[in-house]
Amino acid sequence: MPVYTVHEPPRKSDERDDDTLAHTARFVFVRDGFHFWAFLLAPLWMLRHRMWLEFIFYALIVAAITFALRRLGVAEMAGGWVALLIAVLVGIEASSLRRWKLSRRGFDNLGVVVGDRLEEVERRFFDGWVAGTEPSRPAPASPPPSPSPFERPPVAPSGDIVGLFPQPQARP
């Protein structure tokens, strides 16, 4: 089953609290996993999702690798394989690139939702969100209570210590 991350956009300065419907329409659901179109047409996929910075980095990396392969004289032998590996890498990391873009724009990651189709995922998320059980980030673990400096440390019971095996020659 596909896994989606839910990203909430930052509130506009002129947006009122009672304009929740317009705000929720701007939520973004990003599917995790391999993206075929990012693999097949990486530059066009990046431009379609308005990922300008990622597109510039992609173009610079491809140009640098092409230049290095030509300088080494192996562009004819390894060029196709390197292009395939770059395309596979973009296809695998496409959802991470979208999440990175959204975090740069100030979107908050609200959680993870699992479902077969995007409509089902949206319904599942908003049903829980309206009910007040929206996915929340795990609370930081609290440290165990420290003993008071005035208490006596616990005394180990006499006999065997838990976790150690008795010696075969030991007396019971």
Protein backbone atom coordinates (compact mmCIF):
# COMPACT_ATOMS: atom_id res chain seq x y z
CA MET A 1 0.00 0.00 0.00
CA PRO A 2 1.35 3.44 -0.85
CA VAL A 3 2.47 5.73 1.94
CA TYR A 4 1.86 9.48 1.77
CA THR A 5 3.26 12.33 3.85
CA VAL A 6 0.95 15.26 4.58
CA HIS A 7 2.30 18.82 4.41
CA GLU A 8 0.45 21.88 5.70
CA PRO A 9 1.24 25.22 4.05
CA PRO A 10 2.08 28.23 6.17
CA ARG A 11 -0.91 30.45 6.88
CA LYS A 12 -1.14 33.62 4.86
CA SER A 13 -1.02 36.86 6.80
CA ASP A 14 -4.45 37.93 5.53
CA GLU A 15 -6.05 34.52 6.15
CA ARG A 16 -8.68 34.38 8.88
CA ASP A 17 -9.19 31.46 11.25
CA ASP A 18 -12.66 30.80 9.84
CA ASP A 19 -11.19 30.28 6.36
CA THR A 20 -10.16 26.70 7.18
CA LEU A 21 -11.61 25.21 4.01
CA ALA A 22 -9.45 27.40 1.76
CA HIS A 23 -6.42 26.60 3.90
CA THR A 24 -6.97 22.84 3.80
CA ALA A 25 -7.34 22.94 0.01
CA ARG A 26 -3.65 23.89 -0.14
CA PHE A 27 -2.47 20.80 1.81
CA VAL A 28 -0.01 18.67 -0.17
CA PHE A 29 0.10 14.87 -0.09
CA VAL A 30 3.42 13.42 -1.31
CA ARG A 31 3.50 9.73 -2.24
CA ASP A 32 6.60 7.91 -1.07
CA GLY A 33 8.27 5.45 -3.41
CA PHE A 34 9.57 5.25 -6.95
CA HIS A 35 8.24 7.87 -9.40
CA PHE A 36 8.25 6.57 -12.97
CA TRP A 37 7.90 9.96 -14.67
CA ALA A 38 10.76 11.40 -12.61
CA PHE A 39 12.85 8.45 -13.78
CA LEU A 40 11.85 8.76 -17.43
CA LEU A 41 11.76 12.56 -17.85
CA ALA A 42 13.60 14.03 -14.85
CA PRO A 43 14.07 17.62 -16.09
CA LEU A 44 10.45 17.95 -17.25
CA TRP A 45 9.16 16.34 -14.04
CA MET A 46 11.15 18.84 -11.95
CA LEU A 47 9.87 21.79 -13.98
CA ARG A 48 6.30 20.50 -13.80
CA HIS A 49 6.53 20.45 -9.99
CA ARG A 50 8.18 23.89 -9.98
CA MET A 51 11.39 22.57 -8.46
CA TRP A 52 13.69 25.23 -9.91
CA LEU A 53 16.57 24.81 -7.48
CA GLU A 54 16.55 21.03 -7.86
CA PHE A 55 16.49 21.42 -11.66
CA ILE A 56 19.54 23.72 -11.56
CA PHE A 57 21.44 21.25 -9.34
CA TYR A 58 20.44 18.37 -11.62
CA ALA A 59 21.63 20.24 -14.74
CA LEU A 60 24.93 21.17 -13.06
CA ILE A 61 25.56 17.61 -11.86
CA VAL A 62 24.77 16.10 -15.28
CA ALA A 63 27.01 18.68 -16.99
CA ALA A 64 29.87 18.02 -14.55
CA ILE A 65 29.62 14.24 -14.94
CA THR A 66 29.46 14.55 -18.73
CA PHE A 67 32.51 16.81 -18.72
CA ALA A 68 34.43 14.42 -16.44
CA LEU A 69 33.56 11.38 -18.57
CA ARG A 70 34.69 13.14 -21.75
CA ARG A 71 37.95 14.26 -20.13
CA LEU A 72 38.61 10.68 -19.05
CA GLY A 73 37.74 9.42 -22.53
CA VAL A 74 35.10 6.96 -21.33
CA ALA A 75 31.98 8.87 -22.37
CA GLU A 76 31.17 6.38 -25.14
CA MET A 77 31.61 3.32 -22.92
CA ALA A 78 30.10 4.47 -19.63
CA GLY A 79 27.91 7.43 -20.62
CA GLY A 80 24.72 5.43 -21.05
CA TRP A 81 25.18 3.53 -17.80
CA VAL A 82 25.88 6.72 -15.86
CA ALA A 83 22.79 8.38 -17.36
CA LEU A 84 20.70 5.35 -16.39
CA LEU A 85 22.03 5.43 -12.82
CA ILE A 86 21.27 9.14 -12.50
CA ALA A 87 17.75 8.56 -13.83
CA VAL A 88 17.18 5.72 -11.35
CA LEU A 89 18.48 7.90 -8.50
CA VAL A 90 16.11 10.73 -9.44
CA GLY A 91 13.19 8.27 -9.68
CA ILE A 92 13.94 6.85 -6.24
CA GLU A 93 14.54 10.21 -4.54
CA ALA A 94 11.77 12.18 -6.27
CA SER A 95 9.49 12.21 -3.23
CA SER A 96 12.38 13.33 -1.01
CA LEU A 97 13.11 16.17 -3.43
CA ARG A 98 9.46 17.29 -3.24
CA ARG A 99 9.48 17.14 0.57
CA TRP A 100 12.71 19.17 0.61
CA LYS A 101 11.10 21.82 -1.62
CA LEU A 102 8.02 21.98 0.61
CA SER A 103 10.10 22.32 3.79
CA ARG A 104 12.07 25.19 2.18
CA ARG A 105 8.77 26.95 1.48
CA GLY A 106 7.70 26.65 5.14
CA PHE A 107 5.30 23.71 4.91
CA ASP A 108 4.89 21.67 8.10
CA ASN A 109 5.02 17.89 7.91
CA LEU A 110 1.86 16.75 9.73
CA GLY A 111 2.37 13.02 9.49
CA VAL A 112 2.03 9.90 7.42
CA VAL A 113 -1.13 8.35 5.95
CA VAL A 114 -1.45 4.98 4.22
CA GLY A 115 -3.99 4.23 1.49
CA ASP A 116 -4.48 2.81 -1.98
CA ARG A 117 -5.57 6.01 -3.77
CA LEU A 118 -5.00 9.69 -3.13
CA GLU A 119 -8.73 10.32 -2.54
CA GLU A 120 -8.84 7.61 0.13
CA VAL A 121 -5.73 9.03 1.80
CA GLU A 122 -7.16 12.55 1.83
CA ARG A 123 -10.46 11.33 3.29
CA ARG A 124 -8.68 9.27 5.95
CA PHE A 125 -6.44 12.17 6.96
CA PHE A 126 -9.18 14.81 7.11
CA ASP A 127 -11.57 12.49 8.95
CA GLY A 128 -8.97 12.07 11.66
CA TRP A 129 -8.03 15.74 11.56
CA VAL A 130 -11.61 16.92 12.02
CA ALA A 131 -12.12 14.42 14.85
CA GLY A 132 -9.09 15.88 16.59
CA THR A 133 -6.89 12.84 16.20
CA GLU A 134 -4.60 14.21 13.54
CA PRO A 135 -1.29 12.39 13.19
CA SER A 136 1.07 13.93 15.67
CA ARG A 137 4.76 13.89 16.06
CA PRO A 138 5.96 11.54 18.78
CA ALA A 139 6.57 13.27 22.08
CA PRO A 140 10.17 13.25 23.23
CA ALA A 141 10.86 10.46 25.67
CA SER A 142 11.10 11.67 29.23
CA PRO A 143 14.19 10.60 31.15
CA PRO A 144 13.70 8.08 33.94
CA PRO A 145 13.26 9.64 37.36
CA SER A 146 16.58 10.11 39.04
CA PRO A 147 16.93 8.88 42.62
CA SER A 148 17.16 11.43 45.34
CA PRO A 149 20.71 11.97 46.63
CA PHE A 150 19.41 11.26 50.14
CA GLU A 151 18.05 7.81 49.35
CA ARG A 152 20.07 4.67 49.83
CA PRO A 153 21.09 2.94 46.62
CA PRO A 154 19.32 -0.37 46.08
CA VAL A 155 21.15 -3.33 47.52
CA ALA A 156 21.70 -6.33 45.29
CA PRO A 157 20.17 -9.50 46.72
CA SER A 158 22.60 -12.10 47.89
CA GLY A 159 23.13 -15.05 45.64
CA ASP A 160 23.37 -15.17 41.88
CA ILE A 161 23.33 -12.00 39.89
CA VAL A 162 20.66 -11.81 37.20
CA GLY A 163 22.12 -12.26 33.76
CA LEU A 164 25.17 -14.31 34.70
CA PHE A 165 25.37 -18.05 34.39
CA PRO A 166 26.43 -20.01 37.46
CA GLN A 167 29.77 -21.73 37.33
CA PRO A 168 29.64 -25.54 37.02
CA GLN A 169 31.90 -25.99 40.14
CA ALA A 170 29.90 -23.52 42.28
CA ARG A 171 27.98 -24.75 45.31
CA PRO A 172 24.26 -24.03 45.44
